[in-house]
Protein backbone atom coordinates (compact mmCIF):
# COMPACT_ATOMS: atom_id res chain seq x y z
CA TYR A 1 90.79 208.21 197.81
CA GLU A 2 86.98 208.41 197.90
CA LEU A 3 86.78 205.13 199.83
CA ILE A 4 89.29 206.36 202.43
CA TRP A 5 87.44 209.68 202.70
CA MET A 6 84.05 207.99 203.23
CA ARG A 7 85.36 205.60 205.88
CA THR A 8 87.29 208.31 207.72
CA LEU A 9 84.27 210.61 207.81
CA ALA A 10 81.96 207.78 208.92
CA SER A 11 84.31 206.85 211.77
CA GLN A 12 83.81 210.34 213.30
CA MET A 13 80.01 210.30 213.09
CA LYS A 14 77.45 209.03 215.60
CA ASP A 15 75.98 205.55 215.59
CA ALA A 16 72.87 204.85 213.56
CA HIS A 17 69.64 203.97 215.37
CA GLY A 18 66.92 201.76 213.95
CA THR A 19 64.35 199.10 214.77
CA ARG A 20 63.91 195.71 213.17
CA VAL A 21 60.26 195.21 212.24
CA SER A 22 58.03 192.61 210.62
CA VAL A 23 55.02 194.02 208.76
CA GLN A 24 51.87 192.18 207.68
CA ILE A 25 50.02 193.83 204.79
CA ALA A 26 46.43 192.94 203.87
CA CYS A 27 44.87 193.65 200.47
CA GLU A 28 41.39 192.13 200.32
CA ASP A 29 41.95 188.34 200.48
CA ALA A 30 45.70 188.55 199.81
CA LYS A 31 48.21 188.82 202.64
CA PHE A 32 51.84 189.89 202.34
CA ARG A 33 54.70 190.03 204.80
CA ALA A 34 57.81 192.20 204.82
CA SER A 35 60.73 192.20 207.23
CA GLY A 36 63.46 194.79 207.52
CA LYS A 37 64.68 197.79 209.47
CA THR A 38 63.32 201.28 209.98
CA ILE A 39 66.06 203.92 210.31
CA GLU A 40 65.21 206.46 213.02
CA PHE A 41 68.60 208.21 213.02
CA PRO A 42 70.95 207.47 210.07
CA GLY A 43 74.18 208.64 211.78
CA PHE A 44 77.33 207.39 210.02
CA LEU A 45 75.18 205.65 207.36
CA ARG A 46 74.84 209.07 205.72
CA ALA A 47 78.50 208.84 204.76
CA TYR A 48 79.19 205.14 204.35
CA VAL A 49 77.24 201.87 204.09
CA GLU A 50 79.29 198.79 204.99
CA GLY A 51 79.92 196.79 201.83
CA SER A 52 79.06 199.68 199.47
CA ASP A 53 81.57 202.16 198.06
CA ASP A 54 78.89 204.37 196.50
CA PRO A 55 77.70 207.20 198.81
CA GLU A 56 74.46 207.47 196.77
CA ALA A 57 73.73 203.73 197.02
CA GLU A 58 70.41 202.74 198.50
CA LEU A 59 70.60 201.11 201.91
CA ALA A 60 68.25 198.47 200.52
CA ASP A 61 71.17 197.13 198.50
CA LYS A 62 72.44 195.54 201.72
CA GLU A 63 69.38 195.37 203.92
CA LYS A 64 65.67 195.99 203.42
CA ILE A 65 64.85 199.45 204.75
CA LEU A 66 61.19 200.00 205.59
CA PRO A 67 59.57 203.42 206.07
CA PRO A 68 58.15 204.29 209.51
CA LEU A 69 54.78 202.55 209.75
CA LYS A 70 51.91 202.40 212.22
CA GLU A 71 49.18 199.81 212.52
CA LYS A 72 46.26 200.34 210.06
CA ASP A 73 48.29 202.74 207.88
CA SER A 74 47.17 202.85 204.23
CA LEU A 75 49.91 202.06 201.70
CA ASN A 76 50.19 203.23 198.11
CA PHE A 77 50.55 200.44 195.54
CA LYS A 78 53.55 200.84 193.20
CA ASN A 79 54.10 197.49 191.53
CA LEU A 80 53.64 193.75 192.08
CA GLU A 81 56.39 191.27 191.24
CA ALA A 82 55.86 187.51 191.57
CA LEU A 83 59.04 185.64 192.55
CA GLU A 84 59.50 181.89 192.74
CA HIS A 85 61.69 180.43 195.46
CA GLU A 86 62.55 176.74 195.43
CA THR A 87 64.31 175.28 198.44
CA LYS A 88 66.98 172.80 197.44
CA PRO A 89 67.24 169.61 199.49
CA PRO A 90 70.52 168.93 201.29
CA ALA A 91 73.13 167.09 199.25
CA ARG A 92 73.06 163.30 199.41
CA TYR A 93 75.72 161.51 201.40
CA THR A 94 78.79 160.21 199.64
CA GLU A 95 80.94 157.50 201.19
CA GLY A 96 83.26 160.19 202.54
CA SER A 97 80.54 162.46 203.95
CA LEU A 98 78.70 159.47 205.47
CA ILE A 99 81.86 158.39 207.31
CA LYS A 100 82.34 161.99 208.48
CA GLU A 101 78.76 162.02 209.83
CA LEU A 102 79.31 158.68 211.61
CA GLU A 103 82.40 160.17 213.23
CA ARG A 104 80.45 163.27 214.32
CA LEU A 105 77.70 161.14 215.90
CA GLY A 106 80.23 158.86 217.60
CA ILE A 107 78.97 155.79 215.74
CA GLY A 108 81.55 153.16 214.86
CA ARG A 109 85.30 153.45 214.87
CA PRO A 110 87.88 154.08 212.11
CA SER A 111 88.31 150.31 211.74
CA THR A 112 84.55 149.73 211.21
CA TRP A 113 83.44 152.77 209.17
CA ALA A 114 84.33 151.21 205.81
CA THR A 115 82.53 147.99 206.83
CA ILE A 116 79.37 149.95 207.71
CA VAL A 117 79.33 151.55 204.24
CA ASP A 118 79.91 148.14 202.59
CA VAL A 119 76.97 146.65 204.51
CA VAL A 120 74.69 149.53 203.46
CA LEU A 121 75.54 148.87 199.79
CA SER A 122 75.67 145.05 199.85
CA ARG A 123 72.25 144.76 201.53
CA ASN A 124 70.68 147.12 198.97
CA TYR A 125 69.92 149.81 201.53
CA ALA A 126 71.44 152.31 199.07
CA PHE A 127 72.79 152.40 195.55
CA LYS A 128 75.36 154.66 193.95
CA LYS A 129 74.42 157.39 191.49
CA GLY A 130 77.77 158.87 190.59
CA SER A 131 79.45 159.32 193.96
CA ALA A 132 76.17 159.92 195.82
CA LEU A 133 74.55 157.22 197.98
CA VAL A 134 70.83 157.05 197.15
CA PRO A 135 68.58 155.26 199.68
CA THR A 136 66.35 152.48 198.34
CA PHE A 137 62.69 151.72 199.05
CA LEU A 138 63.87 148.77 201.15
CA ALA A 139 65.87 151.16 203.34
CA MET A 140 62.85 153.46 203.75
CA VAL A 141 60.59 150.59 204.86
CA LEU A 142 63.23 149.07 207.15
CA THR A 143 63.95 152.43 208.80
CA SER A 144 60.23 152.95 209.42
CA LEU A 145 59.95 149.48 210.98
CA MET A 146 62.98 149.94 213.25
CA GLU A 147 61.95 153.41 214.44
CA ARG A 148 58.43 152.19 215.16
CA TYR A 149 59.16 148.94 217.03
CA PHE A 150 62.87 149.04 217.93
CA GLU A 151 63.38 152.74 218.60
CA THR A 152 66.02 152.25 221.32
CA LEU A 153 68.22 150.13 219.04
CA VAL A 154 68.44 152.78 216.30
CA ASP A 155 68.78 155.78 218.61
CA TYR A 156 72.02 157.67 217.85
CA ASP A 157 72.86 158.11 221.55
CA PHE A 158 72.33 154.39 222.25
CA THR A 159 74.59 153.42 219.35
CA ALA A 160 77.31 155.85 220.45
CA LYS A 161 77.09 154.60 224.06
CA LEU A 162 77.31 151.02 222.80
CA GLU A 163 80.65 151.87 221.18
CA ASP A 164 81.92 153.32 224.48
CA ASP A 165 80.77 150.21 226.39
CA LEU A 166 82.57 147.92 223.95
CA ASP A 167 85.72 150.05 224.30
CA ALA A 168 85.46 149.67 228.10
CA ILE A 169 85.24 145.87 227.69
CA ALA A 170 88.30 145.93 225.42
CA ARG A 171 90.23 147.88 228.08
CA GLY A 172 89.20 145.35 230.75
CA GLU A 173 87.10 147.89 232.66
CA ALA A 174 83.80 145.97 232.20
CA ASP A 175 82.76 142.31 232.18
CA ASN A 176 81.70 141.11 228.74
CA GLN A 177 79.44 138.28 229.99
CA LYS A 178 77.48 140.57 232.29
CA TYR A 179 77.15 143.18 229.56
CA LEU A 180 75.81 140.64 227.04
CA ALA A 181 73.33 139.25 229.60
CA ASN A 182 71.98 142.75 230.33
CA PHE A 183 71.77 143.56 226.63
CA TYR A 184 69.92 140.34 225.76
CA HIS A 185 67.66 139.83 228.80
CA GLY A 186 67.41 143.46 229.97
CA ASN A 187 68.19 145.08 233.29
CA GLY A 188 65.41 147.49 234.24
CA HIS A 189 64.64 147.95 230.54
CA PRO A 190 63.46 145.61 227.76
CA GLY A 191 66.31 143.51 226.41
CA LEU A 192 66.82 142.37 222.84
CA ASP A 193 65.00 139.08 223.52
CA GLY A 194 61.92 140.89 224.84
CA LEU A 195 61.86 143.36 221.95
CA VAL A 196 62.03 140.56 219.37
CA LYS A 197 59.24 138.55 221.04
CA PHE A 198 57.06 141.66 221.24
CA GLY A 199 57.69 142.33 217.56
CA GLU A 200 56.83 138.78 216.52
CA GLU A 201 53.49 139.02 218.32
CA ASN A 202 52.49 142.55 217.27
CA ILE A 203 54.10 143.36 213.91
CA ASP A 204 51.80 142.88 210.91
CA PRO A 205 53.97 142.32 207.80
CA ARG A 206 51.36 143.89 205.51
CA ASP A 207 51.33 146.97 207.71
CA VAL A 208 55.09 147.55 207.85
CA CYS A 209 56.23 146.36 204.40
CA GLY A 210 55.02 149.42 202.54
CA PHE A 211 54.13 153.09 202.63
CA PRO A 212 51.54 155.25 200.82
CA ILE A 213 52.33 157.39 197.76
CA GLY A 214 49.02 159.15 197.22
CA THR A 215 45.69 158.75 195.45
CA GLY A 216 45.47 157.97 191.74
CA THR A 217 43.06 159.42 189.19
CA ASN A 218 40.72 156.48 189.80
CA GLY A 219 40.44 157.39 193.48
CA LYS A 220 42.43 154.33 194.56
CA ALA A 221 45.25 154.69 197.09
CA MET A 222 48.68 153.92 195.62
CA GLN A 223 51.23 152.19 197.82
CA VAL A 224 54.82 151.02 197.58
CA ARG A 225 55.34 147.52 198.94
CA ILE A 226 58.43 145.37 199.39
CA GLY A 227 58.03 141.90 197.95
CA ARG A 228 60.17 138.83 197.54
CA TYR A 229 61.69 140.16 194.31
CA GLY A 230 62.00 143.80 195.29
CA PRO A 231 59.77 146.89 195.57
CA PHE A 232 56.56 147.23 193.58
CA LEU A 233 53.57 149.56 193.24
CA THR A 234 49.97 148.58 193.83
CA ASN A 235 46.56 150.25 193.91
CA GLU A 236 44.61 147.07 194.83
CA GLU A 237 43.70 146.56 191.16
CA THR A 238 47.04 146.69 189.36
CA THR A 239 50.61 145.87 190.32
CA ALA A 240 53.67 147.43 188.67
CA GLY A 241 57.39 146.93 189.17
CA ILE A 242 59.55 149.89 190.19
CA PRO A 243 62.79 150.47 188.24
CA GLU A 244 65.78 149.80 190.49
CA ILE A 245 67.46 153.06 189.49
CA LEU A 246 64.41 155.11 190.58
CA ALA A 247 65.10 156.97 193.84
CA PRO A 248 62.25 157.19 196.41
CA ASP A 249 62.03 160.99 196.08
CA GLU A 250 61.57 160.63 192.30
CA LEU A 251 58.47 158.45 192.69
CA THR A 252 55.87 161.20 192.61
CA VAL A 253 52.11 160.64 192.32
CA PRO A 254 52.14 161.29 188.51
CA LYS A 255 55.10 158.91 188.06
CA ALA A 256 53.38 156.20 190.12
CA GLN A 257 50.20 156.71 188.09
CA GLU A 258 52.21 156.35 184.87
CA LEU A 259 53.85 153.08 186.01
CA LEU A 260 50.50 151.59 187.02
CA GLU A 261 48.85 152.63 183.75
CA ASP A 262 51.70 151.08 181.73
CA ALA A 263 51.35 147.86 183.71
CA ALA A 264 47.57 147.82 183.19
CA ARG A 265 47.98 148.20 179.41
CA GLY A 266 50.41 145.30 179.33
CA PRO A 267 53.12 144.85 176.72
CA GLN A 268 52.73 147.16 173.72
CA SER A 269 53.22 145.47 170.36
CA MET A 270 55.45 147.50 168.03
CA GLY A 271 54.97 145.22 165.02
CA ALA A 272 56.70 142.20 163.46
CA HIS A 273 60.48 141.85 163.34
CA PRO A 274 61.67 142.01 159.69
CA GLU A 275 63.94 138.96 160.10
CA ASP A 276 61.51 136.29 161.30
CA GLY A 277 58.15 137.99 161.71
CA LYS A 278 58.08 137.53 165.48
CA PRO A 279 56.34 140.29 167.46
CA VAL A 280 58.41 143.10 169.02
CA TYR A 281 57.09 144.41 172.35
CA LEU A 282 57.69 147.55 174.40
CA LYS A 283 57.60 146.65 178.09
CA THR A 284 58.43 148.14 181.50
CA GLY A 285 60.52 146.15 183.98
CA ARG A 286 62.49 146.59 187.17
CA TYR A 287 65.25 148.42 185.27
CA GLY A 288 62.85 150.66 183.33
CA PRO A 289 61.35 150.44 179.81
CA TYR A 290 62.77 147.88 177.36
CA VAL A 291 61.97 146.13 174.08
CA GLN A 292 61.54 142.37 173.62
CA TRP A 293 61.87 140.22 170.51
CA GLY A 294 59.24 137.45 170.44
CA ASP A 295 57.51 135.50 173.20
CA GLN A 296 58.90 132.88 175.52
CA GLU A 297 57.85 129.49 174.25
CA GLU A 298 56.00 127.23 176.66
CA GLY A 299 58.29 124.66 178.28
CA SER A 300 61.43 126.40 177.00
CA GLU A 301 64.02 127.87 179.39
CA GLU A 302 65.45 130.10 176.68
CA LYS A 303 64.26 133.67 177.15
CA PRO A 304 63.55 136.01 174.23
CA LYS A 305 66.09 138.72 173.47
CA MET A 306 65.59 142.02 175.33
CA ALA A 307 67.23 145.45 175.12
CA SER A 308 66.96 148.50 177.39
CA LEU A 309 66.18 151.92 175.97
CA LEU A 310 69.10 154.34 175.63
CA THR A 311 69.61 157.06 178.23
CA GLY A 312 67.19 159.93 177.61
CA MET A 313 65.04 157.87 175.23
CA LEU A 314 61.30 158.01 176.04
CA PRO A 315 58.93 155.06 175.42
CA ASP A 316 56.71 157.30 173.24
CA ASP A 317 59.67 157.93 170.91
CA VAL A 318 60.31 154.23 170.24
CA THR A 319 59.22 153.01 166.81
CA LEU A 320 59.58 149.53 165.31
CA GLU A 321 62.71 150.68 163.43
CA ILE A 322 64.34 151.96 166.64
CA ALA A 323 63.30 148.81 168.53
CA VAL A 324 64.93 146.60 165.87
CA LYS A 325 68.14 148.66 166.11
CA LEU A 326 68.15 148.35 169.92
CA LEU A 327 67.72 144.58 169.63
CA SER A 328 70.67 144.45 167.19
CA LEU A 329 73.02 145.53 169.99
CA PRO A 330 75.81 144.69 170.47
CA ARG A 331 76.71 145.71 166.89
CA ILE A 332 79.92 144.48 165.31
CA LEU A 333 81.50 147.51 163.62
CA GLY A 334 84.50 145.72 162.15
CA LYS A 335 88.04 144.74 163.11
CA HIS A 336 90.82 146.90 164.50
CA PRO A 337 93.46 147.37 161.77
CA GLU A 338 96.33 146.67 164.19
CA SER A 339 95.09 144.13 166.76
CA LYS A 340 92.59 142.50 164.34
CA GLU A 341 90.12 142.25 167.26
CA GLU A 342 86.42 142.86 166.74
CA ILE A 343 85.05 146.27 167.74
CA GLN A 344 81.53 146.26 169.19
CA ALA A 345 79.04 149.02 170.04
CA SER A 346 76.75 148.20 172.94
CA ASN A 347 74.47 149.64 175.63
CA GLY A 348 75.29 148.73 179.22
CA ARG A 349 74.10 149.49 182.71
CA TYR A 350 76.15 152.70 182.81
CA GLY A 351 75.29 153.84 179.29
CA PRO A 352 76.43 153.20 175.70
CA TYR A 353 80.04 152.21 174.99
CA ILE A 354 82.36 150.60 172.45
CA LYS A 355 84.60 147.63 173.14
CA CYS A 356 87.71 146.24 171.45
CA GLY A 357 89.05 143.19 173.29
CA SER A 358 89.42 144.32 176.90
CA ASP A 359 89.62 148.01 175.94
CA THR A 360 86.42 150.07 176.30
CA ARG A 361 85.35 153.68 175.77
CA SER A 362 82.13 155.32 176.95
CA LEU A 363 80.13 157.10 174.25
CA SER A 364 79.27 160.75 174.86
CA ASP A 365 76.03 162.40 173.72
CA ASP A 366 77.67 163.06 170.34
CA TYR A 367 77.57 159.35 169.49
CA SER A 368 74.90 156.66 169.55
CA PRO A 369 75.60 152.92 169.62
CA LEU A 370 72.87 152.58 166.98
CA ASP A 371 74.79 154.48 164.28
CA VAL A 372 78.40 154.92 165.47
CA THR A 373 80.82 153.97 162.65
CA LEU A 374 84.06 152.00 162.61
CA GLU A 375 85.96 155.24 161.87
CA ASP A 376 84.38 156.90 164.93
CA ALA A 377 85.26 153.90 167.09
CA LEU A 378 88.91 153.89 165.95
CA TYR A 379 89.15 157.60 166.75
CA LEU A 380 87.68 157.09 170.25
CA LEU A 381 89.92 154.11 170.99
CA ALA A 382 92.95 156.22 170.02
CA GLN A 383 92.05 158.74 172.74
CA PRO A 384 93.13 158.27 176.38
CA LYS A 385 90.46 156.69 178.56
CA ARG A 386 88.48 159.29 180.50
CA ARG A 387 85.45 159.33 182.75
CA GLY A 388 82.24 161.34 183.09
CA ARG A 389 82.28 164.71 181.38
CA GLY A 390 85.81 164.11 180.20
CA ALA A 391 84.64 161.37 177.81
CA ALA A 392 85.92 161.87 174.27
CA LYS A 393 83.62 163.98 172.08
CA LYS A 394 83.16 163.94 168.34
CA PRO A 395 85.74 166.13 166.54
CA LEU A 396 84.53 169.36 164.92
CA LYS A 397 86.30 168.49 161.66
CA GLU A 398 88.37 165.60 160.29
CA PHE A 399 91.13 165.99 157.66
CA GLY A 400 92.49 162.48 157.28
CA LEU A 401 95.92 161.01 158.02
CA HIS A 402 99.07 163.10 158.45
CA PRO A 403 101.36 162.44 155.45
CA VAL A 404 104.39 161.88 157.71
CA SER A 405 103.15 160.47 161.04
CA GLU A 406 100.10 158.76 159.43
CA LYS A 407 97.98 159.81 162.43
CA PRO A 408 94.47 161.26 162.01
CA ILE A 409 94.35 165.07 162.07
CA VAL A 410 91.17 166.54 163.58
CA VAL A 411 89.80 169.78 165.03
CA LYS A 412 88.58 169.56 168.62
CA THR A 413 87.20 171.98 171.22
CA GLY A 414 89.33 172.61 174.30
CA GLN A 415 89.25 174.81 177.38
CA PHE A 416 90.73 177.75 175.45
CA GLY A 417 88.90 177.24 172.16
CA PRO A 418 89.23 175.03 169.06
CA TYR A 419 92.56 173.44 168.17
CA VAL A 420 94.14 171.08 165.64
CA THR A 421 95.63 167.82 166.90
CA ASP A 422 97.15 164.64 165.55
CA GLY A 423 96.85 162.90 168.91
CA THR A 424 100.40 163.90 169.92
CA LEU A 425 100.71 167.63 169.22
CA ASN A 426 98.05 170.32 169.76
CA ALA A 427 97.99 173.66 167.90
CA SER A 428 95.51 176.44 168.69
CA ILE A 429 93.46 177.86 165.82
CA PRO A 430 93.78 181.68 165.53
CA THR A 431 90.80 183.61 166.94
CA GLY A 432 88.23 184.47 164.30
CA ARG A 433 89.40 181.80 161.85
CA ASP A 434 86.52 179.84 160.31
CA ILE A 435 87.00 176.18 161.19
CA GLN A 436 85.14 174.92 158.13
CA SER A 437 87.47 176.87 155.82
CA LEU A 438 90.56 175.12 157.22
CA THR A 439 92.28 172.75 154.79
CA MET A 440 94.61 169.83 155.38
CA GLU A 441 97.53 172.10 154.39
CA ASP A 442 96.45 174.74 156.95
CA ALA A 443 96.23 172.10 159.69
CA ILE A 444 99.70 170.72 158.88
CA ASN A 445 101.19 174.25 158.86
CA LEU A 446 99.69 174.96 162.31
CA LEU A 447 101.08 171.69 163.69
CA ASP A 448 104.52 172.34 162.14
CA ALA A 449 104.64 175.86 163.62
CA ARG A 450 103.66 174.47 167.00
CA ALA A 451 106.36 171.78 166.75
CA VAL A 452 109.00 174.48 166.12
CA LYS A 453 107.86 176.46 169.20
CA VAL A 454 107.93 173.34 171.38
CA ALA A 455 111.44 172.49 170.17
CA GLU A 456 112.68 176.05 170.86
CA LYS A 457 111.16 176.02 174.35
CA GLU A 458 112.77 172.67 175.16
CA ALA A 459 116.14 173.99 173.94
CA GLU A 460 115.82 177.09 176.18
CA GLU A 461 114.94 174.95 179.20
CA GLU A 462 117.97 172.72 178.57
CA ALA A 463 120.21 175.80 178.31
CA GLU A 464 118.83 177.29 181.55
CA LYS A 465 119.29 173.96 183.31
CA ALA A 466 122.90 173.71 182.15
CA LEU A 467 123.52 177.31 183.26
CA GLY A 468 121.93 176.66 186.65
CA ASP A 469 124.18 173.66 187.30
CA ASP A 470 127.23 176.00 187.19
CA GLU A 471 125.90 178.27 189.95
CA GLU A 472 126.63 177.67 193.63
CA ALA A 473 123.77 175.89 195.33
CA PRO A 474 124.21 177.45 198.86
CA ALA A 475 123.97 181.03 197.52
CA LYS A 476 120.85 180.12 195.56
CA LYS A 477 119.14 178.59 198.61
CA SER A 478 120.04 181.57 200.81
CA THR A 479 118.49 184.05 198.37
CA ALA A 480 115.26 182.06 198.06
CA LYS A 481 114.92 181.80 201.83
CA LYS A 482 115.36 185.56 202.36
CA LYS A 483 112.75 186.42 199.70
CA THR A 484 110.19 184.03 201.14
CA SER A 485 110.68 185.49 204.62
CA THR A 486 110.21 189.06 203.36
CA LYS A 487 106.97 188.18 201.58
CA LYS A 488 105.50 186.58 204.68
CA LYS A 489 106.16 189.69 206.81
CA SER A 490 104.64 191.97 204.19
CA ALA A 491 101.49 189.85 203.94
CA SER A 492 101.12 189.85 207.73
CA LYS A 493 101.27 193.66 207.91
CA THR A 494 98.69 194.08 205.14
CA LYS A 495 96.30 191.71 206.82
CA SER A 496 96.67 193.53 210.13
CA LYS A 497 95.96 196.94 208.58
CA ALA A 498 92.89 195.66 206.76
CA LYS A 499 91.53 194.22 209.97
CA LYS A 500 92.04 197.52 211.80
CA LYS A 501 90.16 199.50 209.13
CA THR A 502 87.27 197.08 209.11
CA THR A 503 86.93 197.39 212.90
CA LYS A 504 86.62 201.16 212.70
């Protein structure tokens, strides 16, 4: 009632008058700026503020209201609040959003969009991080080169026009030979042949195959360069490889300094391996930090064993014991009791996982390939294969095998709280019940009670289905159609009324 009263009263009042202002405030060396509106005549705002149902609400809740001010007025200080605002960069392209952007710019056609994305990935112009396409250092350098020396060829309008010209040739409206001659030799503008010759004469590879990062602590300029074997960092004194999974925007000045310092120190010896006494090193390579067992013997093609650090593991946290465990991967946990195949725990490009024959499961943060047990692996392999955040997590409690089904009974966390499961049936645990106090008998009772409810529900559904088969189908369809029609009309009227009120 109050809302209707406020809106009705406001609709009969005069318009509000105000002025939008921007104020600059000086306090010794500090300068502040405020933008908002000064209300000269409140009008209907006295009764109702759009978006607020409280008549006593401050107008500042919706818009900053500034008091009437004149130049050189003195202001009274009330309080000072420091706020941090961080602008988030736009989201990276995915394959879908990149194709959508190509369509918006008129580049390519439906038959070529997928090929364009494949070329971007196959030529290492971008790599995938989840579903996002992350540009590489090679792409950054190549883009800089093309925009600097071949600007017309990478102009969006030129590329879109090129598509239209090719469509005209396909329709027989233009001559393909004449078009190719103009494109290659030029016709009042430099052709492709002229641009390439100009580039060969004027482009300095050392100038275009890199870009600056900043200045290091030693005063030397740090630069990313593209070499024969990929991108690398240099400061004229030291050279360091850049991990392939490192995005260009993640290579900050401190990170570049860290990579160069690690390279200058060389491989860090962790100690002797307990098996043969060979040295164990901590190194940094193109895929990030890793450990190495022994040195490569002169004249031998056999490389020493290497192992990458686990996700989230920092080089400073690696001890000789951890390095030895990493080098022991893949670990053989045992054999599967049914298939008799070996179960292994390993660390791959996409993180730690377990493998049994051709069947694999990713390990969540609850498990580590360094200490996961055979029992854990059997439990994970019994779960349906999932991806990402849906990867199987360690159960909250394990009871053992069900005496009848002989399946493991565990407590897990679900969307609606903890529950007991044997892999087939799930039973919620009553709210407030202590999980650790649950016994095997309690778990079986919960599962049995759940089984009874499921059976009763299935019986009711079968009975309803049998009852429904006896009814006449035409009458049933007619009733449903009439109800749907009535709902649509009602919704339309409500929407219309709401729109009318908002306008007033």
